[in-house]
Amino acid sequence: MKGEHLGELEELVLLTIGSLYQEAYAVAILDEIKKNTNRKMDVTAIHSVLRRLEKKGYAKSEMGGATAERGGRRKRFFVLTQVGRKVLDDTMELRVSLYNKLPKLAFAGI
C-alpha cells in the first residue's frame, strides 16, 4: 500500500461512492454518511474529498443530465475506479488483519 494512503474521511467517502454505485453525487454521499454515522458535516467537505479522490485516481466523475427537479441543473456522478477499489480492498484487509491480532482480553464493565 505504499503511496496509497487513505484518510479516514476519504475512506468513508470512497466506501459510500461504492455503496451508492451509480447514484453517487455529493448530496447523496453526504446524506448517506450522515445516515450511517450521525456525523455532522457539510457538502463543501464532501466536494473537497471528492476532488482529492479524483486527483488520486480512486474515483472518476461525469455530469448527468439536467432534471426539472433541480431546476435544469445537472449532477456530477462519481464511481469507483479499479485503483480505488484496490485501495479499499487493501485498506480493509489491513484493518481486519490488525483487528484479528487483538488479544482476547476481558474488560470489566463491558
PDB file of N, CA and C in Angstrom:
ATOM      1  N   MET A   1       0.801  -1.195   0.000  1.00  0.00           N
ATOM      2  CA  MET A   1       0.000   0.000   0.000  1.00  0.00           C
ATOM      3  C   MET A   1       0.840   1.255   0.000  1.00  0.00           C
ATOM      4  N   LYS A   2       2.086   1.156  -0.237  1.00  0.00           N
ATOM      5  CA  LYS A   2       2.948   2.319  -0.218  1.00  0.00           C
ATOM      6  C   LYS A   2       2.447   3.383  -1.190  1.00  0.00           C
ATOM      7  N   GLY A   3       2.272   4.599  -0.679  1.00  0.00           N
ATOM      8  CA  GLY A   3       1.834   5.707  -1.512  1.00  0.00           C
ATOM      9  C   GLY A   3       0.344   5.726  -1.785  1.00  0.00           C
ATOM     10  N   GLU A   4      -0.405   4.807  -1.207  1.00  0.00           N
ATOM     11  CA  GLU A   4      -1.835   4.730  -1.453  1.00  0.00           C
ATOM     12  C   GLU A   4      -2.621   4.952  -0.175  1.00  0.00           C
ATOM     13  N   HIS A   5      -2.169   5.866   0.652  1.00  0.00           N
ATOM     14  CA  HIS A   5      -2.796   6.119   1.933  1.00  0.00           C
ATOM     15  C   HIS A   5      -4.137   6.821   1.753  1.00  0.00           C
ATOM     16  N   LEU A   6      -5.130   6.358   2.502  1.00  0.00           N
ATOM     17  CA  LEU A   6      -6.441   6.996   2.531  1.00  0.00           C
ATOM     18  C   LEU A   6      -6.658   7.606   3.897  1.00  0.00           C
ATOM     19  N   GLY A   7      -7.093   8.859   3.932  1.00  0.00           N
ATOM     20  CA  GLY A   7      -7.503   9.456   5.191  1.00  0.00           C
ATOM     21  C   GLY A   7      -8.842   8.859   5.606  1.00  0.00           C
ATOM     22  N   GLU A   8      -9.211   9.058   6.861  1.00  0.00           N
ATOM     23  CA  GLU A   8     -10.444   8.461   7.374  1.00  0.00           C
ATOM     24  C   GLU A   8     -11.665   8.941   6.596  1.00  0.00           C
ATOM     25  N   LEU A   9     -11.771  10.241   6.342  1.00  0.00           N
ATOM     26  CA  LEU A   9     -12.919  10.757   5.591  1.00  0.00           C
ATOM     27  C   LEU A   9     -12.872  10.317   4.137  1.00  0.00           C
ATOM     28  N   GLU A  10     -11.666  10.259   3.568  1.00  0.00           N
ATOM     29  CA  GLU A  10     -11.541   9.770   2.189  1.00  0.00           C
ATOM     30  C   GLU A  10     -12.043   8.328   2.087  1.00  0.00           C
ATOM     31  N   GLU A  11     -11.666   7.521   3.061  1.00  0.00           N
ATOM     32  CA  GLU A  11     -12.098   6.125   3.060  1.00  0.00           C
ATOM     33  C   GLU A  11     -13.623   6.048   3.159  1.00  0.00           C
ATOM     34  N   LEU A  12     -14.200   6.841   4.041  1.00  0.00           N
ATOM     35  CA  LEU A  12     -15.650   6.849   4.229  1.00  0.00           C
ATOM     36  C   LEU A  12     -16.370   7.294   2.948  1.00  0.00           C
ATOM     37  N   VAL A  13     -15.877   8.338   2.316  1.00  0.00           N
ATOM     38  CA  VAL A  13     -16.492   8.822   1.075  1.00  0.00           C
ATOM     39  C   VAL A  13     -16.325   7.791  -0.036  1.00  0.00           C
ATOM     40  N   LEU A  14     -15.160   7.196  -0.137  1.00  0.00           N
ATOM     41  CA  LEU A  14     -14.921   6.194  -1.181  1.00  0.00           C
ATOM     42  C   LEU A  14     -15.823   4.970  -0.989  1.00  0.00           C
ATOM     43  N   LEU A  15     -15.964   4.529   0.249  1.00  0.00           N
ATOM     44  CA  LEU A  15     -16.883   3.417   0.527  1.00  0.00           C
ATOM     45  C   LEU A  15     -18.317   3.788   0.164  1.00  0.00           C
ATOM     46  N   THR A  16     -18.693   5.019   0.445  1.00  0.00           N
ATOM     47  CA  THR A  16     -20.055   5.460   0.151  1.00  0.00           C
ATOM     48  C   THR A  16     -20.280   5.555  -1.354  1.00  0.00           C
ATOM     49  N   ILE A  17     -19.285   6.024  -2.078  1.00  0.00           N
ATOM     50  CA  ILE A  17     -19.391   6.043  -3.549  1.00  0.00           C
ATOM     51  C   ILE A  17     -19.663   4.630  -4.057  1.00  0.00           C
ATOM     52  N   GLY A  18     -18.910   3.682  -3.544  1.00  0.00           N
ATOM     53  CA  GLY A  18     -19.091   2.303  -3.971  1.00  0.00           C
ATOM     54  C   GLY A  18     -20.450   1.747  -3.596  1.00  0.00           C
ATOM     55  N   SER A  19     -20.916   2.082  -2.387  1.00  0.00           N
ATOM     56  CA  SER A  19     -22.207   1.537  -1.943  1.00  0.00           C
ATOM     57  C   SER A  19     -23.382   2.165  -2.685  1.00  0.00           C
ATOM     58  N   LEU A  20     -23.242   3.409  -3.100  1.00  0.00           N
ATOM     59  CA  LEU A  20     -24.324   4.062  -3.849  1.00  0.00           C
ATOM     60  C   LEU A  20     -24.282   3.703  -5.335  1.00  0.00           C
ATOM     61  N   TYR A  21     -23.194   3.097  -5.736  1.00  0.00           N
ATOM     62  CA  TYR A  21     -22.962   2.653  -7.117  1.00  0.00           C
ATOM     63  C   TYR A  21     -23.176   3.802  -8.092  1.00  0.00           C
ATOM     64  N   GLN A  22     -24.164   3.754  -8.943  1.00  0.00           N
ATOM     65  CA  GLN A  22     -24.306   4.783  -9.981  1.00  0.00           C
ATOM     66  C   GLN A  22     -25.153   5.973  -9.543  1.00  0.00           C
ATOM     67  N   GLU A  23     -25.507   6.036  -8.269  1.00  0.00           N
ATOM     68  CA  GLU A  23     -26.304   7.146  -7.740  1.00  0.00           C
ATOM     69  C   GLU A  23     -25.482   8.001  -6.792  1.00  0.00           C
ATOM     70  N   ALA A  24     -24.165   7.972  -6.920  1.00  0.00           N
ATOM     71  CA  ALA A  24     -23.287   8.707  -6.002  1.00  0.00           C
ATOM     72  C   ALA A  24     -22.992  10.114  -6.529  1.00  0.00           C
ATOM     73  N   TYR A  25     -23.627  11.097  -5.931  1.00  0.00           N
ATOM     74  CA  TYR A  25     -23.306  12.504  -6.172  1.00  0.00           C
ATOM     75  C   TYR A  25     -23.160  13.151  -4.801  1.00  0.00           C
ATOM     76  N   ALA A  26     -22.606  14.335  -4.746  1.00  0.00           N
ATOM     77  CA  ALA A  26     -22.174  14.910  -3.469  1.00  0.00           C
ATOM     78  C   ALA A  26     -23.257  14.899  -2.392  1.00  0.00           C
ATOM     79  N   VAL A  27     -24.451  15.364  -2.709  1.00  0.00           N
ATOM     80  CA  VAL A  27     -25.503  15.439  -1.692  1.00  0.00           C
ATOM     81  C   VAL A  27     -25.930  14.037  -1.246  1.00  0.00           C
ATOM     82  N   ALA A  28     -26.028  13.108  -2.184  1.00  0.00           N
ATOM     83  CA  ALA A  28     -26.394  11.736  -1.827  1.00  0.00           C
ATOM     84  C   ALA A  28     -25.318  11.109  -0.932  1.00  0.00           C
ATOM     85  N   ILE A  29     -24.065  11.377  -1.245  1.00  0.00           N
ATOM     86  CA  ILE A  29     -22.958  10.857  -0.426  1.00  0.00           C
ATOM     87  C   ILE A  29     -23.038  11.448   0.981  1.00  0.00           C
ATOM     88  N   LEU A  30     -23.255  12.757   1.062  1.00  0.00           N
ATOM     89  CA  LEU A  30     -23.392  13.429   2.358  1.00  0.00           C
ATOM     90  C   LEU A  30     -24.541  12.824   3.161  1.00  0.00           C
ATOM     91  N   ASP A  31     -25.696  12.678   2.537  1.00  0.00           N
ATOM     92  CA  ASP A  31     -26.861  12.121   3.233  1.00  0.00           C
ATOM     93  C   ASP A  31     -26.588  10.703   3.730  1.00  0.00           C
ATOM     94  N   GLU A  32     -25.936   9.899   2.914  1.00  0.00           N
ATOM     95  CA  GLU A  32     -25.651   8.514   3.293  1.00  0.00           C
ATOM     96  C   GLU A  32     -24.670   8.457   4.468  1.00  0.00           C
ATOM     97  N   ILE A  33     -23.679   9.322   4.447  1.00  0.00           N
ATOM     98  CA  ILE A  33     -22.716   9.347   5.559  1.00  0.00           C
ATOM     99  C   ILE A  33     -23.406   9.804   6.838  1.00  0.00           C
ATOM    100  N   LYS A  34     -24.230  10.845   6.738  1.00  0.00           N
ATOM    101  CA  LYS A  34     -24.963  11.318   7.926  1.00  0.00           C
ATOM    102  C   LYS A  34     -25.867  10.222   8.471  1.00  0.00           C
ATOM    103  N   LYS A  35     -26.567   9.527   7.572  1.00  0.00           N
ATOM    104  CA  LYS A  35     -27.496   8.466   7.982  1.00  0.00           C
ATOM    105  C   LYS A  35     -26.763   7.335   8.703  1.00  0.00           C
ATOM    106  N   ASN A  36     -25.593   6.992   8.228  1.00  0.00           N
ATOM    107  CA  ASN A  36     -24.878   5.839   8.782  1.00  0.00           C
ATOM    108  C   ASN A  36     -23.957   6.171   9.944  1.00  0.00           C
ATOM    109  N   THR A  37     -23.582   7.430  10.087  1.00  0.00           N
ATOM    110  CA  THR A  37     -22.609   7.768  11.128  1.00  0.00           C
ATOM    111  C   THR A  37     -23.089   8.835  12.109  1.00  0.00           C
ATOM    112  N   ASN A  38     -24.188   9.510  11.811  1.00  0.00           N
ATOM    113  CA  ASN A  38     -24.641  10.668  12.609  1.00  0.00           C
ATOM    114  C   ASN A  38     -23.587  11.759  12.658  1.00  0.00           C
ATOM    115  N   ARG A  39     -22.727  11.775  11.704  1.00  0.00           N
ATOM    116  CA  ARG A  39     -21.641  12.742  11.650  1.00  0.00           C
ATOM    117  C   ARG A  39     -22.147  14.047  11.036  1.00  0.00           C
ATOM    118  N   LYS A  40     -21.805  15.152  11.659  1.00  0.00           N
ATOM    119  CA  LYS A  40     -22.223  16.443  11.138  1.00  0.00           C
ATOM    120  C   LYS A  40     -21.140  16.980  10.216  1.00  0.00           C
ATOM    121  N   MET A  41     -21.516  17.240   8.991  1.00  0.00           N
ATOM    122  CA  MET A  41     -20.590  17.805   8.019  1.00  0.00           C
ATOM    123  C   MET A  41     -21.404  18.518   6.956  1.00  0.00           C
ATOM    124  N   ASP A  42     -20.741  19.272   6.129  1.00  0.00           N
ATOM    125  CA  ASP A  42     -21.455  19.946   5.054  1.00  0.00           C
ATOM    126  C   ASP A  42     -20.956  19.465   3.694  1.00  0.00           C
ATOM    127  N   VAL A  43     -21.678  19.848   2.677  1.00  0.00           N
ATOM    128  CA  VAL A  43     -21.379  19.351   1.333  1.00  0.00           C
ATOM    129  C   VAL A  43     -20.042  19.892   0.818  1.00  0.00           C
ATOM    130  N   THR A  44     -19.587  21.008   1.356  1.00  0.00           N
ATOM    131  CA  THR A  44     -18.287  21.551   0.950  1.00  0.00           C
ATOM    132  C   THR A  44     -17.165  20.566   1.290  1.00  0.00           C
ATOM    133  N   ALA A  45     -17.247  19.953   2.448  1.00  0.00           N
ATOM    134  CA  ALA A  45     -16.240  18.957   2.845  1.00  0.00           C
ATOM    135  C   ALA A  45     -16.272  17.767   1.897  1.00  0.00           C
ATOM    136  N   ILE A  46     -17.475  17.359   1.505  1.00  0.00           N
ATOM    137  CA  ILE A  46     -17.607  16.230   0.579  1.00  0.00           C
ATOM    138  C   ILE A  46     -16.996  16.579  -0.776  1.00  0.00           C
ATOM    139  N   HIS A  47     -17.290  17.789  -1.263  1.00  0.00           N
ATOM    140  CA  HIS A  47     -16.721  18.205  -2.552  1.00  0.00           C
ATOM    141  C   HIS A  47     -15.185  18.208  -2.493  1.00  0.00           C
ATOM    142  N   SER A  48     -14.635  18.670  -1.400  1.00  0.00           N
ATOM    143  CA  SER A  48     -13.185  18.711  -1.246  1.00  0.00           C
ATOM    144  C   SER A  48     -12.591  17.299  -1.315  1.00  0.00           C
ATOM    145  N   VAL A  49     -13.213  16.374  -0.611  1.00  0.00           N
ATOM    146  CA  VAL A  49     -12.730  14.984  -0.615  1.00  0.00           C
ATOM    147  C   VAL A  49     -12.891  14.368  -2.007  1.00  0.00           C
ATOM    148  N   LEU A  50     -14.006  14.647  -2.655  1.00  0.00           N
ATOM    149  CA  LEU A  50     -14.225  14.096  -3.999  1.00  0.00           C
ATOM    150  C   LEU A  50     -13.156  14.571  -4.976  1.00  0.00           C
ATOM    151  N   ARG A  51     -12.779  15.838  -4.875  1.00  0.00           N
ATOM    152  CA  ARG A  51     -11.705  16.352  -5.751  1.00  0.00           C
ATOM    153  C   ARG A  51     -10.388  15.616  -5.480  1.00  0.00           C
ATOM    154  N   ARG A  52     -10.075  15.407  -4.187  1.00  0.00           N
ATOM    155  CA  ARG A  52      -8.834  14.676  -3.839  1.00  0.00           C
ATOM    156  C   ARG A  52      -8.868  13.248  -4.357  1.00  0.00           C
ATOM    157  N   LEU A  53     -10.012  12.592  -4.217  1.00  0.00           N
ATOM    158  CA  LEU A  53     -10.115  11.198  -4.656  1.00  0.00           C
ATOM    159  C   LEU A  53      -9.974  11.089  -6.178  1.00  0.00           C
ATOM    160  N   GLU A  54     -10.523  12.055  -6.892  1.00  0.00           N
ATOM    161  CA  GLU A  54     -10.352  12.052  -8.355  1.00  0.00           C
ATOM    162  C   GLU A  54      -8.898  12.310  -8.725  1.00  0.00           C
ATOM    163  N   LYS A  55      -8.276  13.241  -8.023  1.00  0.00           N
ATOM    164  CA  LYS A  55      -6.875  13.571  -8.306  1.00  0.00           C
ATOM    165  C   LYS A  55      -5.973  12.356  -8.065  1.00  0.00           C
ATOM    166  N   LYS A  56      -6.296  11.568  -7.040  1.00  0.00           N
ATOM    167  CA  LYS A  56      -5.524  10.365  -6.734  1.00  0.00           C
ATOM    168  C   LYS A  56      -5.864   9.210  -7.676  1.00  0.00           C
ATOM    169  N   GLY A  57      -6.923   9.354  -8.455  1.00  0.00           N
ATOM    170  CA  GLY A  57      -7.325   8.299  -9.388  1.00  0.00           C
ATOM    171  C   GLY A  57      -8.187   7.224  -8.752  1.00  0.00           C
ATOM    172  N   TYR A  58      -8.741   7.488  -7.566  1.00  0.00           N
ATOM    173  CA  TYR A  58      -9.554   6.491  -6.867  1.00  0.00           C
ATOM    174  C   TYR A  58     -11.034   6.572  -7.250  1.00  0.00           C
ATOM    175  N   ALA A  59     -11.427   7.686  -7.814  1.00  0.00           N
ATOM    176  CA  ALA A  59     -12.809   7.869  -8.263  1.00  0.00           C
ATOM    177  C   ALA A  59     -12.770   8.685  -9.547  1.00  0.00           C
ATOM    178  N   LYS A  60     -13.833   8.562 -10.319  1.00  0.00           N
ATOM    179  CA  LYS A  60     -13.962   9.411 -11.506  1.00  0.00           C
ATOM    180  C   LYS A  60     -15.405   9.877 -11.570  1.00  0.00           C
ATOM    181  N   SER A  61     -15.617  10.952 -12.316  1.00  0.00           N
ATOM    182  CA  SER A  61     -16.962  11.516 -12.355  1.00  0.00           C
ATOM    183  C   SER A  61     -17.345  11.902 -13.766  1.00  0.00           C
ATOM    184  N   GLU A  62     -18.641  12.057 -13.916  1.00  0.00           N
ATOM    185  CA  GLU A  62     -19.158  12.620 -15.159  1.00  0.00           C
ATOM    186  C   GLU A  62     -20.485  13.298 -14.843  1.00  0.00           C
ATOM    187  N   MET A  63     -20.814  14.265 -15.667  1.00  0.00           N
ATOM    188  CA  MET A  63     -22.033  15.015 -15.448  1.00  0.00           C
ATOM    189  C   MET A  63     -23.225  14.203 -15.941  1.00  0.00           C
ATOM    190  N   GLY A  64     -24.310  14.222 -15.136  1.00  0.00           N
ATOM    191  CA  GLY A  64     -25.558  13.596 -15.535  1.00  0.00           C
ATOM    192  C   GLY A  64     -26.387  14.595 -16.323  1.00  0.00           C
ATOM    193  N   GLY A  65     -27.555  14.167 -16.728  1.00  0.00           N
ATOM    194  CA  GLY A  65     -28.433  15.047 -17.479  1.00  0.00           C
ATOM    195  C   GLY A  65     -29.138  16.042 -16.569  1.00  0.00           C
ATOM    196  N   ALA A  66     -29.596  17.135 -17.167  1.00  0.00           N
ATOM    197  CA  ALA A  66     -30.342  18.146 -16.419  1.00  0.00           C
ATOM    198  C   ALA A  66     -31.719  17.591 -16.074  1.00  0.00           C
ATOM    199  N   THR A  67     -32.189  17.929 -14.866  1.00  0.00           N
ATOM    200  CA  THR A  67     -33.507  17.457 -14.457  1.00  0.00           C
ATOM    201  C   THR A  67     -34.367  18.648 -14.041  1.00  0.00           C
ATOM    202  N   ALA A  68     -35.671  18.491 -14.223  1.00  0.00           N
ATOM    203  CA  ALA A  68     -36.600  19.556 -13.835  1.00  0.00           C
ATOM    204  C   ALA A  68     -36.612  19.750 -12.327  1.00  0.00           C
ATOM    205  N   GLU A  69     -36.467  18.638 -11.570  1.00  0.00           N
ATOM    206  CA  GLU A  69     -36.497  18.738 -10.107  1.00  0.00           C
ATOM    207  C   GLU A  69     -35.341  19.583  -9.566  1.00  0.00           C
ATOM    208  N   ARG A  70     -34.286  19.716 -10.323  1.00  0.00           N
ATOM    209  CA  ARG A  70     -33.142  20.547  -9.910  1.00  0.00           C
ATOM    210  C   ARG A  70     -33.112  21.866 -10.690  1.00  0.00           C
ATOM    211  N   GLY A  71     -34.241  22.228 -11.256  1.00  0.00           N
ATOM    212  CA  GLY A  71     -34.316  23.492 -11.983  1.00  0.00           C
ATOM    213  C   GLY A  71     -33.431  23.521 -13.215  1.00  0.00           C
ATOM    214  N   GLY A  72     -33.269  22.368 -13.833  1.00  0.00           N
ATOM    215  CA  GLY A  72     -32.481  22.284 -15.051  1.00  0.00           C
ATOM    216  C   GLY A  72     -30.985  22.116 -14.806  1.00  0.00           C
ATOM    217  N   ARG A  73     -30.577  22.050 -13.525  1.00  0.00           N
ATOM    218  CA  ARG A  73     -29.148  21.855 -13.227  1.00  0.00           C
ATOM    219  C   ARG A  73     -28.787  20.390 -13.325  1.00  0.00           C
ATOM    220  N   ARG A  74     -27.544  20.141 -13.584  1.00  0.00           N
ATOM    221  CA  ARG A  74     -27.049  18.776 -13.717  1.00  0.00           C
ATOM    222  C   ARG A  74     -26.312  18.355 -12.451  1.00  0.00           C
ATOM    223  N   LYS A  75     -26.239  17.050 -12.220  1.00  0.00           N
ATOM    224  CA  LYS A  75     -25.484  16.499 -11.081  1.00  0.00           C
ATOM    225  C   LYS A  75     -24.206  15.876 -11.605  1.00  0.00           C
ATOM    226  N   ARG A  76     -23.160  15.920 -10.779  1.00  0.00           N
ATOM    227  CA  ARG A  76     -21.910  15.226 -11.104  1.00  0.00           C
ATOM    228  C   ARG A  76     -21.917  13.896 -10.345  1.00  0.00           C
ATOM    229  N   PHE A  77     -21.908  12.801 -11.093  1.00  0.00           N
ATOM    230  CA  PHE A  77     -21.945  11.462 -10.500  1.00  0.00           C
ATOM    231  C   PHE A  77     -20.538  10.878 -10.420  1.00  0.00           C
ATOM    232  N   PHE A  78     -20.288  10.161  -9.338  1.00  0.00           N
ATOM    233  CA  PHE A  78     -18.974   9.566  -9.073  1.00  0.00           C
ATOM    234  C   PHE A  78     -19.074   8.050  -9.026  1.00  0.00           C
ATOM    235  N   VAL A  79     -18.037   7.400  -9.518  1.00  0.00           N
ATOM    236  CA  VAL A  79     -17.917   5.936  -9.420  1.00  0.00           C
ATOM    237  C   VAL A  79     -16.487   5.608  -8.991  1.00  0.00           C
ATOM    238  N   LEU A  80     -16.347   4.428  -8.391  1.00  0.00           N
ATOM    239  CA  LEU A  80     -15.014   3.938  -8.035  1.00  0.00           C
ATOM    240  C   LEU A  80     -14.248   3.592  -9.296  1.00  0.00           C
ATOM    241  N   THR A  81     -12.963   3.816  -9.281  1.00  0.00           N
ATOM    242  CA  THR A  81     -12.104   3.286 -10.337  1.00  0.00           C
ATOM    243  C   THR A  81     -11.565   1.936  -9.875  1.00  0.00           C
ATOM    244  N   GLN A  82     -10.922   1.240 -10.770  1.00  0.00           N
ATOM    245  CA  GLN A  82     -10.314  -0.048 -10.403  1.00  0.00           C
ATOM    246  C   GLN A  82      -9.252   0.170  -9.320  1.00  0.00           C
ATOM    247  N   VAL A  83      -8.489   1.250  -9.448  1.00  0.00           N
ATOM    248  CA  VAL A  83      -7.468   1.575  -8.445  1.00  0.00           C
ATOM    249  C   VAL A  83      -8.130   1.905  -7.107  1.00  0.00           C
ATOM    250  N   GLY A  84      -9.236   2.629  -7.137  1.00  0.00           N
ATOM    251  CA  GLY A  84      -9.965   2.958  -5.908  1.00  0.00           C
ATOM    252  C   GLY A  84     -10.475   1.716  -5.212  1.00  0.00           C
ATOM    253  N   ARG A  85     -10.995   0.783  -5.969  1.00  0.00           N
ATOM    254  CA  ARG A  85     -11.475  -0.468  -5.381  1.00  0.00           C
ATOM    255  C   ARG A  85     -10.320  -1.251  -4.760  1.00  0.00           C
ATOM    256  N   LYS A  86      -9.174  -1.262  -5.433  1.00  0.00           N
ATOM    257  CA  LYS A  86      -7.994  -1.973  -4.918  1.00  0.00           C
ATOM    258  C   LYS A  86      -7.522  -1.339  -3.611  1.00  0.00           C
ATOM    259  N   VAL A  87      -7.515  -0.022  -3.546  1.00  0.00           N
ATOM    260  CA  VAL A  87      -7.095   0.665  -2.316  1.00  0.00           C
ATOM    261  C   VAL A  87      -8.054   0.328  -1.177  1.00  0.00           C
ATOM    262  N   LEU A  88      -9.353   0.308  -1.468  1.00  0.00           N
ATOM    263  CA  LEU A  88     -10.324  -0.066  -0.430  1.00  0.00           C
ATOM    264  C   LEU A  88     -10.112  -1.508   0.016  1.00  0.00           C
ATOM    265  N   ASP A  89      -9.912  -2.395  -0.935  1.00  0.00           N
ATOM    266  CA  ASP A  89      -9.674  -3.812  -0.588  1.00  0.00           C
ATOM    267  C   ASP A  89      -8.433  -3.947   0.298  1.00  0.00           C
ATOM    268  N   ASP A  90      -7.360  -3.277  -0.072  1.00  0.00           N
ATOM    269  CA  ASP A  90      -6.121  -3.339   0.711  1.00  0.00           C
ATOM    270  C   ASP A  90      -6.315  -2.740   2.103  1.00  0.00           C
ATOM    271  N   THR A  91      -7.043  -1.640   2.184  1.00  0.00           N
ATOM    272  CA  THR A  91      -7.299  -0.986   3.466  1.00  0.00           C
ATOM    273  C   THR A  91      -8.108  -1.903   4.386  1.00  0.00           C
ATOM    274  N   MET A  92      -9.152  -2.514   3.838  1.00  0.00           N
ATOM    275  CA  MET A  92      -9.984  -3.415   4.634  1.00  0.00           C
ATOM    276  C   MET A  92      -9.182  -4.629   5.092  1.00  0.00           C
ATOM    277  N   GLU A  93      -8.367  -5.168   4.202  1.00  0.00           N
ATOM    278  CA  GLU A  93      -7.552  -6.331   4.549  1.00  0.00           C
ATOM    279  C   GLU A  93      -6.610  -6.000   5.695  1.00  0.00           C
ATOM    280  N   LEU A  94      -5.989  -4.825   5.632  1.00  0.00           N
ATOM    281  CA  LEU A  94      -5.091  -4.409   6.705  1.00  0.00           C
ATOM    282  C   LEU A  94      -5.843  -4.247   8.022  1.00  0.00           C
ATOM    283  N   ARG A  95      -7.008  -3.594   7.971  1.00  0.00           N
ATOM    284  CA  ARG A  95      -7.788  -3.384   9.199  1.00  0.00           C
ATOM    285  C   ARG A  95      -8.200  -4.716   9.832  1.00  0.00           C
ATOM    286  N   VAL A  96      -8.708  -5.632   9.014  1.00  0.00           N
ATOM    287  CA  VAL A  96      -9.147  -6.930   9.536  1.00  0.00           C
ATOM    288  C   VAL A  96      -7.957  -7.699  10.097  1.00  0.00           C
ATOM    289  N   SER A  97      -6.832  -7.629   9.400  1.00  0.00           N
ATOM    290  CA  SER A  97      -5.631  -8.326   9.864  1.00  0.00           C
ATOM    291  C   SER A  97      -5.192  -7.808  11.233  1.00  0.00           C
ATOM    292  N   LEU A  98      -5.171  -6.492  11.383  1.00  0.00           N
ATOM    293  CA  LEU A  98      -4.782  -5.913  12.672  1.00  0.00           C
ATOM    294  C   LEU A  98      -5.814  -6.227  13.750  1.00  0.00           C
ATOM    295  N   TYR A  99      -7.082  -6.152  13.396  1.00  0.00           N
ATOM    296  CA  TYR A  99      -8.147  -6.436  14.372  1.00  0.00           C
ATOM    297  C   TYR A  99      -8.039  -7.871  14.871  1.00  0.00           C
ATOM    298  N   ASN A 100      -7.752  -8.778  13.950  1.00  0.00           N
ATOM    299  CA  ASN A 100      -7.647 -10.189  14.328  1.00  0.00           C
ATOM    300  C   ASN A 100      -6.454 -10.472  15.233  1.00  0.00           C
ATOM    301  N   LYS A 101      -5.521  -9.547  15.310  1.00  0.00           N
ATOM    302  CA  LYS A 101      -4.368  -9.717  16.196  1.00  0.00           C
ATOM    303  C   LYS A 101      -4.633  -9.213  17.608  1.00  0.00           C
ATOM    304  N   LEU A 102      -5.788  -8.595  17.809  1.00  0.00           N
ATOM    305  CA  LEU A 102      -6.101  -8.102  19.157  1.00  0.00           C
ATOM    306  C   LEU A 102      -6.184  -9.279  20.112  1.00  0.00           C
ATOM    307  N   PRO A 103      -5.560  -9.160  21.281  1.00  0.00           N
ATOM    308  CA  PRO A 103      -5.654 -10.247  22.262  1.00  0.00           C
ATOM    309  C   PRO A 103      -7.083 -10.344  22.798  1.00  0.00           C
ATOM    310  N   LYS A 104      -7.446 -11.541  23.164  1.00  0.00           N
ATOM    311  CA  LYS A 104      -8.790 -11.775  23.725  1.00  0.00           C
ATOM    312  C   LYS A 104      -8.766 -11.413  25.199  1.00  0.00           C
ATOM    313  N   LEU A 105      -8.966 -10.158  25.488  1.00  0.00           N
ATOM    314  CA  LEU A 105      -8.965  -9.680  26.864  1.00  0.00           C
ATOM    315  C   LEU A 105     -10.389  -9.430  27.315  1.00  0.00           C
ATOM    316  N   ALA A 106     -10.626  -9.627  28.575  1.00  0.00           N
ATOM    317  CA  ALA A 106     -11.935  -9.315  29.154  1.00  0.00           C
ATOM    318  C   ALA A 106     -11.814  -7.981  29.876  1.00  0.00           C
ATOM    319  N   PHE A 107     -12.734  -7.089  29.591  1.00  0.00           N
ATOM    320  CA  PHE A 107     -12.738  -5.787  30.242  1.00  0.00           C
ATOM    321  C   PHE A 107     -13.911  -5.738  31.214  1.00  0.00           C
ATOM    322  N   ALA A 108     -13.625  -5.346  32.420  1.00  0.00           N
ATOM    323  CA  ALA A 108     -14.674  -5.243  33.423  1.00  0.00           C
ATOM    324  C   ALA A 108     -15.659  -4.148  33.035  1.00  0.00           C
ATOM    325  N   GLY A 109     -16.953  -4.420  33.208  1.00  0.00           N
ATOM    326  CA  GLY A 109     -17.973  -3.421  32.950  1.00  0.00           C
ATOM    327  C   GLY A 109     -18.415  -3.323  31.511  1.00  0.00           C
ATOM    328  N   ILE A 110     -17.877  -4.130  30.643  1.00  0.00           N
ATOM    329  CA  ILE A 110     -18.302  -4.083  29.232  1.00  0.00           C
ATOM    330  C   ILE A 110     -19.184  -5.262  28.935  1.00  0.00           C
TER     331      ILE A 110
END
